Amino acid sequence: HLHISEYSRHVSRHDTVPWARVILGGVDTVKFSPDVSVARTSRALFVGRLLPHKGVANLIAALPDTIGLDIVGPLNATGEVERLRAKAADKAIAFHHDLGDAALVDKYRQALCLILPSVYHTADAHTAVPELLGQTLLEAMSCATPVICTRVASMPEIVADGVNGF
């Protein structure tokens, strides 16, 4: 059994089984790469599914007025997108739901930083497994974009606080 993180191996209860290995996740570094011709903006970026445990509502609440935010994620029928739009009404926040691959890579390259604020607990629910890997952290880092994430699930395996992100 191959796992994309130690966290994935642990939540699957494969810590001690000899047939379970951690291979980690990967990134296409040709596609996700820096491009010095693309100018950085002063806008932060979130990329992911728009679900409560992704912590986007907390990010919107904490975002200072001096920083804009691009939220990239697919539409869904959970009502979360509408809830987030209402919270973001008075801030410099833009939602992007149908970006193609090239436009997504450009968002990573342009961003001030990528923020992945996933949580175990929201006001309404508990999520035992918020991130098996945190793929967007790897994609952003591959584009030379600084990353900020919460210390939950697998994310401390990717981001060493103060070393390669916060």
Protein backbone atom coordinates (compact mmCIF):
# COMPACT_ATOMS: atom_id res chain seq x y z
CA HIS A 1 0.00 0.00 0.00
CA LEU A 2 1.52 3.33 -1.05
CA HIS A 3 0.81 6.51 0.93
CA ILE A 4 1.32 10.13 -0.06
CA SER A 5 2.30 11.19 3.49
CA GLU A 6 3.18 9.79 6.90
CA TYR A 7 -0.11 11.26 8.04
CA SER A 8 -1.97 9.22 5.40
CA ARG A 9 -0.17 6.10 6.57
CA HIS A 10 -1.04 6.88 10.18
CA VAL A 11 -4.76 7.57 9.66
CA SER A 12 -4.96 4.34 7.65
CA ARG A 13 -3.46 2.54 10.66
CA HIS A 14 -0.54 1.30 8.59
CA ASP A 15 2.20 2.67 10.87
CA THR A 16 3.70 -0.70 11.65
CA VAL A 17 2.73 -2.86 8.69
CA PRO A 18 5.70 -3.77 6.50
CA TRP A 19 3.71 -3.65 3.24
CA ALA A 20 2.77 0.03 3.61
CA ARG A 21 5.21 2.63 2.32
CA VAL A 22 5.24 6.42 2.09
CA ILE A 23 6.20 7.61 -1.38
CA LEU A 24 5.05 11.23 -0.90
CA GLY A 25 3.25 13.27 -3.51
CA GLY A 26 4.84 14.77 -6.54
CA VAL A 27 4.62 17.84 -8.73
CA ASP A 28 5.17 18.24 -12.44
CA THR A 29 8.07 20.70 -12.18
CA VAL A 30 7.93 21.50 -15.88
CA LYS A 31 4.34 22.69 -15.55
CA PHE A 32 4.65 24.16 -12.03
CA SER A 33 7.80 26.23 -12.29
CA PRO A 34 8.93 29.80 -11.68
CA ASP A 35 8.72 32.33 -14.49
CA VAL A 36 10.62 35.58 -13.95
CA SER A 37 8.61 37.25 -16.70
CA VAL A 38 5.43 36.96 -14.58
CA ALA A 39 5.11 39.81 -12.09
CA ARG A 40 4.15 39.16 -8.48
CA THR A 41 1.08 40.89 -7.13
CA SER A 42 0.19 41.91 -3.58
CA ARG A 43 -2.61 39.32 -3.51
CA ALA A 44 -2.62 36.12 -1.48
CA LEU A 45 -3.97 32.90 -3.00
CA PHE A 46 -6.02 29.94 -1.84
CA VAL A 47 -6.41 26.92 -4.12
CA GLY A 48 -8.60 23.98 -3.16
CA ARG A 49 -12.05 22.60 -2.69
CA LEU A 50 -14.41 25.09 -1.08
CA LEU A 51 -15.54 23.11 1.93
CA PRO A 52 -15.77 24.21 5.59
CA HIS A 53 -12.74 22.19 6.79
CA LYS A 54 -10.51 24.02 4.30
CA GLY A 55 -10.62 27.01 6.68
CA VAL A 56 -11.34 29.62 4.02
CA ALA A 57 -13.92 31.35 6.23
CA ASN A 58 -11.21 31.85 8.86
CA LEU A 59 -8.84 33.18 6.20
CA ILE A 60 -11.42 35.69 4.99
CA ALA A 61 -12.10 36.86 8.56
CA ALA A 62 -8.38 37.28 9.31
CA LEU A 63 -7.40 38.90 6.01
CA PRO A 64 -6.24 42.49 6.53
CA ASP A 65 -7.78 45.16 4.32
CA THR A 66 -4.36 45.83 2.80
CA ILE A 67 -4.12 42.39 1.17
CA GLY A 68 -6.32 41.04 -1.60
CA LEU A 69 -7.12 37.37 -1.96
CA ASP A 70 -7.81 35.13 -4.94
CA ILE A 71 -9.82 32.03 -4.09
CA VAL A 72 -9.55 29.27 -6.68
CA GLY A 73 -11.82 26.26 -6.34
CA PRO A 74 -14.67 24.43 -8.02
CA LEU A 75 -18.29 25.30 -7.43
CA ASN A 76 -20.25 22.79 -5.37
CA ALA A 77 -23.74 22.24 -4.03
CA THR A 78 -22.84 22.47 -0.31
CA GLY A 79 -23.74 26.14 0.07
CA GLU A 80 -20.17 26.89 1.19
CA VAL A 81 -19.35 29.03 -1.85
CA GLU A 82 -22.34 31.29 -1.19
CA ARG A 83 -21.45 31.51 2.51
CA LEU A 84 -17.86 32.48 1.65
CA ARG A 85 -19.00 35.07 -0.90
CA ALA A 86 -21.18 36.70 1.77
CA LYS A 87 -18.25 36.83 4.23
CA ALA A 88 -16.01 38.31 1.53
CA ALA A 89 -18.43 41.04 0.41
CA ASP A 90 -16.51 43.96 1.92
CA LYS A 91 -12.99 42.75 1.10
CA ALA A 92 -10.76 42.67 -1.97
CA ILE A 93 -11.50 39.01 -2.64
CA ALA A 94 -12.08 37.42 -6.05
CA PHE A 95 -13.47 33.94 -6.65
CA HIS A 96 -12.29 31.85 -9.62
CA HIS A 97 -14.10 28.58 -10.35
CA ASP A 98 -13.17 27.42 -13.82
CA LEU A 99 -9.48 28.12 -14.31
CA GLY A 100 -7.62 26.05 -16.83
CA ASP A 101 -4.19 24.62 -16.07
CA ALA A 102 -2.21 27.51 -17.56
CA ALA A 103 -4.28 30.12 -15.71
CA LEU A 104 -3.85 28.21 -12.43
CA VAL A 105 -0.07 28.13 -12.86
CA ASP A 106 -0.12 31.87 -13.57
CA LYS A 107 -2.09 32.44 -10.33
CA TYR A 108 0.62 30.56 -8.40
CA ARG A 109 3.36 32.56 -10.11
CA GLN A 110 1.64 35.92 -9.50
CA ALA A 111 0.64 35.35 -5.89
CA LEU A 112 2.23 37.10 -2.95
CA CYS A 113 1.86 33.77 -1.15
CA LEU A 114 -0.33 30.68 -1.06
CA ILE A 115 -2.33 30.12 2.12
CA LEU A 116 -3.77 26.72 3.05
CA PRO A 117 -5.72 27.25 6.30
CA SER A 118 -7.28 23.79 6.76
CA VAL A 119 -8.72 22.93 10.18
CA TYR A 120 -9.93 19.92 12.12
CA HIS A 121 -12.84 21.82 13.69
CA THR A 122 -15.32 24.34 12.39
CA ALA A 123 -18.23 25.85 14.29
CA ASP A 124 -20.49 23.15 12.87
CA ALA A 125 -18.36 20.06 12.34
CA HIS A 126 -15.23 18.03 13.01
CA THR A 127 -13.09 16.66 10.18
CA ALA A 128 -10.67 13.92 11.16
CA VAL A 129 -8.72 14.06 7.89
CA PRO A 130 -8.56 17.62 6.49
CA GLU A 131 -5.47 17.10 4.29
CA LEU A 132 -3.82 13.85 3.25
CA LEU A 133 -1.01 15.83 1.63
CA GLY A 134 -1.64 19.50 0.80
CA GLN A 135 -0.79 19.26 -2.89
CA THR A 136 -1.31 22.98 -3.48
CA LEU A 137 1.57 23.73 -1.12
CA LEU A 138 3.89 21.68 -3.32
CA GLU A 139 2.58 23.28 -6.51
CA ALA A 140 3.05 26.80 -5.13
CA MET A 141 6.52 26.03 -3.81
CA SER A 142 7.46 24.61 -7.19
CA CYS A 143 6.46 27.98 -8.69
CA ALA A 144 8.73 29.74 -6.12
CA THR A 145 5.69 31.12 -4.28
CA PRO A 146 5.95 31.40 -0.48
CA VAL A 147 3.50 29.24 1.49
CA ILE A 148 1.61 29.62 4.75
CA CYS A 149 -0.43 26.79 6.25
CA THR A 150 -1.96 25.59 9.46
CA ARG A 151 -0.22 22.91 11.50
CA VAL A 152 -2.75 20.14 10.84
CA ALA A 153 -2.67 16.71 9.26
CA SER A 154 0.17 16.20 6.77
CA MET A 155 1.09 19.81 6.24
CA PRO A 156 3.98 19.89 8.77
CA GLU A 157 5.59 17.18 6.61
CA ILE A 158 5.73 19.68 3.74
CA VAL A 159 6.27 23.01 5.48
CA ALA A 160 9.01 23.37 8.08
CA ASP A 161 8.00 26.52 9.97
CA GLY A 162 10.44 29.33 9.24
CA VAL A 163 12.53 27.18 6.91
CA ASN A 164 10.51 26.77 3.71
CA GLY A 165 7.27 28.45 4.74
CA PHE A 166 5.18 29.36 7.73
